[in-house]
Amino acid sequence: FLPYLNDERYLAPLRQTEIVIATGHDDPHVDESRRVASVLQEKGVPASLHVWDGWAHDWPYWKEMVDVFL
């Protein structure tokens, strides 16, 4: 869906929102996170990707991510 999104009614609000994508290096879907961040950036959406060491899909990581990103 996202790669084919070209409707400014949807893109304009997204461009007003800072999007943070945080994932773990060992997450099985880390490449998909990279792809989503790249597509958003190509469309002018301020998206940043942060790949953390390890799995990063558990409460200790989430707590640290909240402290860093919020």
Protein backbone atom coordinates (compact mmCIF):
# COMPACT_ATOMS: atom_id res chain seq x y z
CA PHE A 1 0.00 0.00 0.00
CA LEU A 2 2.56 2.57 1.10
CA PRO A 3 4.81 2.41 -1.97
CA TYR A 4 1.80 3.27 -4.15
CA LEU A 5 0.41 6.02 -1.93
CA ASN A 6 0.50 9.24 -3.95
CA ASP A 7 -2.64 10.99 -2.72
CA GLU A 8 -1.69 14.32 -1.16
CA ARG A 9 -4.76 14.18 1.09
CA TYR A 10 -2.96 11.41 2.98
CA LEU A 11 0.66 12.36 2.39
CA ALA A 12 0.37 15.98 3.54
CA PRO A 13 -0.66 15.08 7.11
CA LEU A 14 2.01 12.37 7.25
CA ARG A 15 4.62 14.96 6.32
CA GLN A 16 3.58 16.95 9.38
CA THR A 17 4.29 14.00 11.67
CA GLU A 18 7.69 12.83 12.86
CA ILE A 19 7.70 9.04 12.66
CA VAL A 20 10.17 6.95 14.66
CA ILE A 21 10.69 3.33 13.71
CA ALA A 22 12.68 1.42 16.32
CA THR A 23 13.55 -2.24 15.98
CA GLY A 24 16.19 -4.73 16.98
CA HIS A 25 19.06 -5.92 14.83
CA ASP A 26 18.03 -9.53 15.49
CA ASP A 27 14.33 -8.96 14.82
CA PRO A 28 13.22 -11.20 11.95
CA HIS A 29 11.45 -8.23 10.34
CA VAL A 30 14.25 -5.67 10.57
CA ASP A 31 14.50 -5.51 6.77
CA GLU A 32 10.81 -4.65 6.53
CA SER A 33 11.35 -1.82 9.03
CA ARG A 34 14.17 -0.53 6.85
CA ARG A 35 11.93 -0.71 3.79
CA VAL A 36 9.06 1.17 5.47
CA ALA A 37 11.42 3.91 6.67
CA SER A 38 12.91 4.23 3.19
CA VAL A 39 9.53 4.47 1.46
CA LEU A 40 8.33 7.10 3.94
CA GLN A 41 11.49 9.16 3.45
CA GLU A 42 11.18 8.92 -0.35
CA LYS A 43 7.69 10.42 0.00
CA GLY A 44 9.01 13.31 2.09
CA VAL A 45 7.74 11.97 5.40
CA PRO A 46 10.14 12.68 8.28
CA ALA A 47 10.77 9.09 9.34
CA SER A 48 13.81 7.92 11.24
CA LEU A 49 14.94 4.34 11.69
CA HIS A 50 16.75 3.20 14.81
CA VAL A 51 18.11 -0.34 14.86
CA TRP A 52 19.05 -1.44 18.36
CA ASP A 53 21.40 -4.25 19.29
CA GLY A 54 19.72 -7.56 19.96
CA TRP A 55 16.09 -8.52 19.70
CA ALA A 56 14.64 -5.27 21.14
CA HIS A 57 11.15 -6.75 21.40
CA ASP A 58 10.69 -6.99 25.15
CA TRP A 59 9.79 -4.76 28.07
CA PRO A 60 13.34 -3.65 29.02
CA TYR A 61 13.95 -2.45 25.46
CA TRP A 62 10.55 -0.79 25.21
CA LYS A 63 11.09 1.10 28.46
CA GLU A 64 14.44 2.36 27.23
CA MET A 65 12.97 3.29 23.84
CA VAL A 66 10.18 5.27 25.51
CA ASP A 67 12.77 7.15 27.55
CA VAL A 68 14.80 7.92 24.40
CA PHE A 69 12.05 8.74 21.92
CA LEU A 70 9.23 10.29 23.95
